[in-house]
Amino acid sequence: MDAPAKTIKTTIEFIPQEDWEKTSFGKFLKWLLNVGRWIVIVTELIVIIAFLSRFKLDRDLTNLNETVRQKQAIINASSSFEKEFRFLQKELATIEGLEKSQIKSDQVLSIFSQITPVGIQLSNFMIDDEKKVSLKASADSESTFAFFLKKLKAEPKIKNLTINKISVSEEQFGKIVFDIKTELE
């Protein structure tokens, strides 16, 4: 029998390789081209997604602008009500302050009407927010003036009594004119 024939294996390459592709620089360049291709593909996908999402974002922006216009119309419509409301709040605060000072005035006038004798005429009467009272008055006689001072000192709601000025007025036919300042508790 014949000796078996030796078979020689031959490979056929459809894509011929050149010598530079077998070098390390060639392999690196081939790898860089593959990575670059993937980077381009990913970048194109991102651009396409951004382009398509622009339509949704434009619609959202239009909806937000419309909502803002509606809310501005509501605010503009209610601005006159808000101005009137704020004006009424200021009026109420003013009235409340006047009521508080009026109550103080009533109490102070009540105190002074009880202790003021018949011969005393009050000509100027002022009350501060800090419960300070100042008054100008005239008395018919020295005894009326002394009696009035005695009652002022005896009143428990009056403290820090100060007499600023005492004089005899020739214009009022010898009446005693005086200024008093005091504080209320």
C-alpha atoms as a PDB file:
ATOM      1  CA  MET A   1       0.000   0.000   0.000  1.00  0.00           C
ATOM      2  CA  ASP A   2       0.925   3.370  -0.536  1.00  0.00           C
ATOM      3  CA  ALA A   3       2.065   5.619   2.192  1.00  0.00           C
ATOM      4  CA  PRO A   4      -0.511   8.060   3.278  1.00  0.00           C
ATOM      5  CA  ALA A   5      -0.123  11.385   1.696  1.00  0.00           C
ATOM      6  CA  LYS A   6       0.732  14.309   3.856  1.00  0.00           C
ATOM      7  CA  THR A   7      -1.901  16.923   3.975  1.00  0.00           C
ATOM      8  CA  ILE A   8      -0.794  20.479   4.086  1.00  0.00           C
ATOM      9  CA  LYS A   9      -3.066  22.855   5.783  1.00  0.00           C
ATOM     10  CA  THR A  10      -3.372  26.146   4.080  1.00  0.00           C
ATOM     11  CA  THR A  11      -5.322  29.113   5.344  1.00  0.00           C
ATOM     12  CA  ILE A  12      -7.063  31.529   3.141  1.00  0.00           C
ATOM     13  CA  GLU A  13      -7.478  35.082   4.423  1.00  0.00           C
ATOM     14  CA  PHE A  14     -10.090  37.190   2.782  1.00  0.00           C
ATOM     15  CA  ILE A  15      -8.857  40.404   4.367  1.00  0.00           C
ATOM     16  CA  PRO A  16      -5.188  40.691   3.750  1.00  0.00           C
ATOM     17  CA  GLN A  17      -3.128  42.005   6.644  1.00  0.00           C
ATOM     18  CA  GLU A  18      -0.317  44.260   6.005  1.00  0.00           C
ATOM     19  CA  ASP A  19       2.871  44.225   7.923  1.00  0.00           C
ATOM     20  CA  TRP A  20       2.244  47.439   9.848  1.00  0.00           C
ATOM     21  CA  GLU A  21      -0.997  45.993  11.345  1.00  0.00           C
ATOM     22  CA  LYS A  22       1.011  43.361  13.133  1.00  0.00           C
ATOM     23  CA  THR A  23       3.144  45.918  14.960  1.00  0.00           C
ATOM     24  CA  SER A  24       2.180  47.329  18.352  1.00  0.00           C
ATOM     25  CA  PHE A  25       1.446  50.730  16.818  1.00  0.00           C
ATOM     26  CA  GLY A  26      -0.827  49.089  14.263  1.00  0.00           C
ATOM     27  CA  LYS A  27      -2.692  47.178  16.968  1.00  0.00           C
ATOM     28  CA  PHE A  28      -3.066  50.369  18.983  1.00  0.00           C
ATOM     29  CA  LEU A  29      -4.333  52.241  15.934  1.00  0.00           C
ATOM     30  CA  LYS A  30      -6.852  49.460  15.172  1.00  0.00           C
ATOM     31  CA  TRP A  31      -8.045  49.536  18.806  1.00  0.00           C
ATOM     32  CA  LEU A  32      -8.296  53.348  18.680  1.00  0.00           C
ATOM     33  CA  LEU A  33     -10.413  53.197  15.514  1.00  0.00           C
ATOM     34  CA  ASN A  34     -12.791  50.668  17.113  1.00  0.00           C
ATOM     35  CA  VAL A  35     -13.134  52.788  20.277  1.00  0.00           C
ATOM     36  CA  GLY A  36     -13.560  55.940  18.178  1.00  0.00           C
ATOM     37  CA  ARG A  37     -16.328  54.263  16.178  1.00  0.00           C
ATOM     38  CA  TRP A  38     -18.176  53.412  19.414  1.00  0.00           C
ATOM     39  CA  ILE A  39     -17.694  56.955  20.723  1.00  0.00           C
ATOM     40  CA  VAL A  40     -19.182  58.362  17.506  1.00  0.00           C
ATOM     41  CA  ILE A  41     -22.148  55.958  17.750  1.00  0.00           C
ATOM     42  CA  VAL A  42     -22.816  56.836  21.401  1.00  0.00           C
ATOM     43  CA  THR A  43     -22.488  60.557  20.643  1.00  0.00           C
ATOM     44  CA  GLU A  44     -24.944  60.259  17.761  1.00  0.00           C
ATOM     45  CA  LEU A  45     -27.399  58.428  20.039  1.00  0.00           C
ATOM     46  CA  ILE A  46     -27.112  61.206  22.621  1.00  0.00           C
ATOM     47  CA  VAL A  47     -27.707  63.860  19.947  1.00  0.00           C
ATOM     48  CA  ILE A  48     -30.755  61.978  18.623  1.00  0.00           C
ATOM     49  CA  ILE A  49     -32.168  61.609  22.166  1.00  0.00           C
ATOM     50  CA  ALA A  50     -31.559  65.322  22.839  1.00  0.00           C
ATOM     51  CA  PHE A  51     -33.249  66.237  19.548  1.00  0.00           C
ATOM     52  CA  LEU A  52     -36.274  64.092  20.312  1.00  0.00           C
ATOM     53  CA  SER A  53     -36.513  65.296  23.923  1.00  0.00           C
ATOM     54  CA  ARG A  54     -36.544  68.880  22.663  1.00  0.00           C
ATOM     55  CA  PHE A  55     -40.114  68.396  21.457  1.00  0.00           C
ATOM     56  CA  LYS A  56     -41.230  67.321  24.934  1.00  0.00           C
ATOM     57  CA  LEU A  57     -39.315  70.143  26.602  1.00  0.00           C
ATOM     58  CA  ASP A  58     -40.824  72.690  24.192  1.00  0.00           C
ATOM     59  CA  ARG A  59     -44.299  71.439  25.057  1.00  0.00           C
ATOM     60  CA  ASP A  60     -43.522  71.628  28.794  1.00  0.00           C
ATOM     61  CA  LEU A  61     -42.239  75.189  28.363  1.00  0.00           C
ATOM     62  CA  THR A  62     -45.399  76.183  26.492  1.00  0.00           C
ATOM     63  CA  ASN A  63     -47.555  74.672  29.242  1.00  0.00           C
ATOM     64  CA  LEU A  64     -45.569  76.491  31.950  1.00  0.00           C
ATOM     65  CA  ASN A  65     -45.835  79.813  30.119  1.00  0.00           C
ATOM     66  CA  GLU A  66     -49.590  79.349  29.795  1.00  0.00           C
ATOM     67  CA  THR A  67     -49.863  78.515  33.500  1.00  0.00           C
ATOM     68  CA  VAL A  68     -47.840  81.622  34.389  1.00  0.00           C
ATOM     69  CA  ARG A  69     -50.111  83.804  32.214  1.00  0.00           C
ATOM     70  CA  GLN A  70     -53.202  82.364  33.902  1.00  0.00           C
ATOM     71  CA  LYS A  71     -51.802  82.944  37.383  1.00  0.00           C
ATOM     72  CA  GLN A  72     -50.746  86.492  36.469  1.00  0.00           C
ATOM     73  CA  ALA A  73     -54.294  87.183  35.312  1.00  0.00           C
ATOM     74  CA  ILE A  74     -55.613  85.893  38.652  1.00  0.00           C
ATOM     75  CA  ILE A  75     -53.145  88.052  40.588  1.00  0.00           C
ATOM     76  CA  ASN A  76     -53.992  91.133  38.526  1.00  0.00           C
ATOM     77  CA  ALA A  77     -57.696  90.510  39.055  1.00  0.00           C
ATOM     78  CA  SER A  78     -57.271  90.224  42.829  1.00  0.00           C
ATOM     79  CA  SER A  79     -54.855  93.160  43.231  1.00  0.00           C
ATOM     80  CA  SER A  80     -57.662  95.666  43.837  1.00  0.00           C
ATOM     81  CA  PHE A  81     -59.099  93.377  46.520  1.00  0.00           C
ATOM     82  CA  GLU A  82     -55.669  93.088  48.146  1.00  0.00           C
ATOM     83  CA  LYS A  83     -55.208  96.886  48.140  1.00  0.00           C
ATOM     84  CA  GLU A  84     -58.608  97.350  49.739  1.00  0.00           C
ATOM     85  CA  PHE A  85     -57.870  94.606  52.275  1.00  0.00           C
ATOM     86  CA  ARG A  86     -54.545  96.186  53.269  1.00  0.00           C
ATOM     87  CA  PHE A  87     -56.205  99.610  53.537  1.00  0.00           C
ATOM     88  CA  LEU A  88     -58.863  98.162  55.836  1.00  0.00           C
ATOM     89  CA  GLN A  89     -56.188  96.472  57.961  1.00  0.00           C
ATOM     90  CA  LYS A  90     -54.451  99.827  58.417  1.00  0.00           C
ATOM     91  CA  GLU A  91     -57.747 101.468  59.337  1.00  0.00           C
ATOM     92  CA  LEU A  92     -58.490  98.749  61.869  1.00  0.00           C
ATOM     93  CA  ALA A  93     -55.042  99.125  63.428  1.00  0.00           C
ATOM     94  CA  THR A  94     -55.550 102.890  63.646  1.00  0.00           C
ATOM     95  CA  ILE A  95     -58.988 102.471  65.200  1.00  0.00           C
ATOM     96  CA  GLU A  96     -57.625  99.933  67.677  1.00  0.00           C
ATOM     97  CA  GLY A  97     -54.864 102.344  68.702  1.00  0.00           C
ATOM     98  CA  LEU A  98     -57.384 105.156  69.104  1.00  0.00           C
ATOM     99  CA  GLU A  99     -59.638 102.943  71.199  1.00  0.00           C
ATOM    100  CA  LYS A 100     -56.759 102.086  73.514  1.00  0.00           C
ATOM    101  CA  SER A 101     -55.806 105.730  73.947  1.00  0.00           C
ATOM    102  CA  GLN A 102     -59.464 106.692  74.318  1.00  0.00           C
ATOM    103  CA  ILE A 103     -59.866 104.190  77.121  1.00  0.00           C
ATOM    104  CA  LYS A 104     -56.827 105.699  78.843  1.00  0.00           C
ATOM    105  CA  SER A 105     -58.227 109.187  78.321  1.00  0.00           C
ATOM    106  CA  ASP A 106     -61.568 108.146  79.789  1.00  0.00           C
ATOM    107  CA  GLN A 107     -59.874 106.637  82.825  1.00  0.00           C
ATOM    108  CA  VAL A 108     -57.646 109.677  83.326  1.00  0.00           C
ATOM    109  CA  LEU A 109     -60.543 112.090  82.921  1.00  0.00           C
ATOM    110  CA  SER A 110     -62.559 110.034  85.378  1.00  0.00           C
ATOM    111  CA  ILE A 111     -59.751 110.232  87.951  1.00  0.00           C
ATOM    112  CA  PHE A 112     -59.261 113.982  87.501  1.00  0.00           C
ATOM    113  CA  SER A 113     -62.999 114.715  87.531  1.00  0.00           C
ATOM    114  CA  GLN A 114     -63.276 113.012  90.939  1.00  0.00           C
ATOM    115  CA  ILE A 115     -60.375 114.860  92.545  1.00  0.00           C
ATOM    116  CA  THR A 116     -60.719 118.309  90.938  1.00  0.00           C
ATOM    117  CA  PRO A 117     -62.487 120.739  93.270  1.00  0.00           C
ATOM    118  CA  VAL A 118     -64.971 123.368  92.126  1.00  0.00           C
ATOM    119  CA  GLY A 119     -62.551 126.289  91.989  1.00  0.00           C
ATOM    120  CA  ILE A 120     -60.089 124.665  89.537  1.00  0.00           C
ATOM    121  CA  GLN A 121     -60.397 125.241  85.771  1.00  0.00           C
ATOM    122  CA  LEU A 122     -58.331 122.972  83.507  1.00  0.00           C
ATOM    123  CA  SER A 123     -57.244 124.813  80.364  1.00  0.00           C
ATOM    124  CA  ASN A 124     -54.825 122.380  78.720  1.00  0.00           C
ATOM    125  CA  PHE A 125     -54.842 118.634  79.319  1.00  0.00           C
ATOM    126  CA  MET A 126     -52.478 116.223  77.485  1.00  0.00           C
ATOM    127  CA  ILE A 127     -51.967 112.437  77.801  1.00  0.00           C
ATOM    128  CA  ASP A 128     -48.948 110.625  76.298  1.00  0.00           C
ATOM    129  CA  ASP A 129     -48.791 106.985  75.233  1.00  0.00           C
ATOM    130  CA  GLU A 130     -46.444 106.378  78.131  1.00  0.00           C
ATOM    131  CA  LYS A 131     -49.160 107.295  80.696  1.00  0.00           C
ATOM    132  CA  LYS A 132     -47.726 110.762  81.292  1.00  0.00           C
ATOM    133  CA  VAL A 133     -50.218 113.528  81.941  1.00  0.00           C
ATOM    134  CA  SER A 134     -49.519 117.232  81.739  1.00  0.00           C
ATOM    135  CA  LEU A 135     -52.050 119.929  82.474  1.00  0.00           C
ATOM    136  CA  LYS A 136     -52.343 123.673  82.767  1.00  0.00           C
ATOM    137  CA  ALA A 137     -54.955 124.991  85.113  1.00  0.00           C
ATOM    138  CA  SER A 138     -55.987 127.916  87.206  1.00  0.00           C
ATOM    139  CA  ALA A 139     -57.322 128.060  90.745  1.00  0.00           C
ATOM    140  CA  ASP A 140     -59.640 130.690  92.243  1.00  0.00           C
ATOM    141  CA  SER A 141     -57.726 130.798  95.531  1.00  0.00           C
ATOM    142  CA  GLU A 142     -54.676 129.473  97.290  1.00  0.00           C
ATOM    143  CA  SER A 143     -56.785 127.171  99.463  1.00  0.00           C
ATOM    144  CA  THR A 144     -58.433 125.612  96.368  1.00  0.00           C
ATOM    145  CA  PHE A 145     -54.989 125.087  94.846  1.00  0.00           C
ATOM    146  CA  ALA A 146     -53.676 123.487  98.065  1.00  0.00           C
ATOM    147  CA  PHE A 147     -56.757 121.263  98.328  1.00  0.00           C
ATOM    148  CA  PHE A 148     -56.264 120.132  94.704  1.00  0.00           C
ATOM    149  CA  LEU A 149     -52.588 119.298  95.334  1.00  0.00           C
ATOM    150  CA  LYS A 150     -53.531 117.361  98.474  1.00  0.00           C
ATOM    151  CA  LYS A 151     -56.049 115.261  96.513  1.00  0.00           C
ATOM    152  CA  LEU A 152     -53.500 114.655  93.709  1.00  0.00           C
ATOM    153  CA  LYS A 153     -50.925 113.388  96.222  1.00  0.00           C
ATOM    154  CA  ALA A 154     -53.497 111.173  97.904  1.00  0.00           C
ATOM    155  CA  GLU A 155     -54.621 109.510  94.660  1.00  0.00           C
ATOM    156  CA  PRO A 156     -52.934 106.036  94.434  1.00  0.00           C
ATOM    157  CA  LYS A 157     -52.967 105.928  90.620  1.00  0.00           C
ATOM    158  CA  ILE A 158     -50.929 109.138  90.340  1.00  0.00           C
ATOM    159  CA  LYS A 159     -47.175 109.106  90.933  1.00  0.00           C
ATOM    160  CA  ASN A 160     -44.207 111.420  90.286  1.00  0.00           C
ATOM    161  CA  LEU A 161     -46.173 114.624  90.668  1.00  0.00           C
ATOM    162  CA  THR A 162     -44.190 117.654  89.440  1.00  0.00           C
ATOM    163  CA  ILE A 163     -45.255 121.299  89.554  1.00  0.00           C
ATOM    164  CA  ASN A 164     -43.468 123.139  86.778  1.00  0.00           C
ATOM    165  CA  LYS A 165     -44.816 126.663  87.088  1.00  0.00           C
ATOM    166  CA  ILE A 166     -46.945 128.644  89.531  1.00  0.00           C
ATOM    167  CA  SER A 167     -47.898 132.263  88.961  1.00  0.00           C
ATOM    168  CA  VAL A 168     -50.603 134.759  89.788  1.00  0.00           C
ATOM    169  CA  SER A 169     -52.333 136.016  86.667  1.00  0.00           C
ATOM    170  CA  GLU A 170     -53.400 139.640  86.514  1.00  0.00           C
ATOM    171  CA  GLU A 171     -55.308 138.928  83.310  1.00  0.00           C
ATOM    172  CA  GLN A 172     -57.550 136.436  85.133  1.00  0.00           C
ATOM    173  CA  PHE A 173     -58.151 138.746  88.151  1.00  0.00           C
ATOM    174  CA  GLY A 174     -55.632 137.249  90.563  1.00  0.00           C
ATOM    175  CA  LYS A 175     -56.156 133.556  89.809  1.00  0.00           C
ATOM    176  CA  ILE A 176     -53.284 131.150  90.448  1.00  0.00           C
ATOM    177  CA  VAL A 177     -52.061 129.630  87.154  1.00  0.00           C
ATOM    178  CA  PHE A 178     -49.971 126.440  87.328  1.00  0.00           C
ATOM    179  CA  ASP A 179     -48.524 123.620  85.203  1.00  0.00           C
ATOM    180  CA  ILE A 180     -48.437 120.055  86.541  1.00  0.00           C
ATOM    181  CA  LYS A 181     -46.862 116.897  85.137  1.00  0.00           C
ATOM    182  CA  THR A 182     -47.504 113.442  86.515  1.00  0.00           C
ATOM    183  CA  GLU A 183     -47.434 109.741  85.615  1.00  0.00           C
ATOM    184  CA  LEU A 184     -50.219 107.201  85.949  1.00  0.00           C
ATOM    185  CA  GLU A 185     -49.873 103.622  87.074  1.00  0.00           C
END
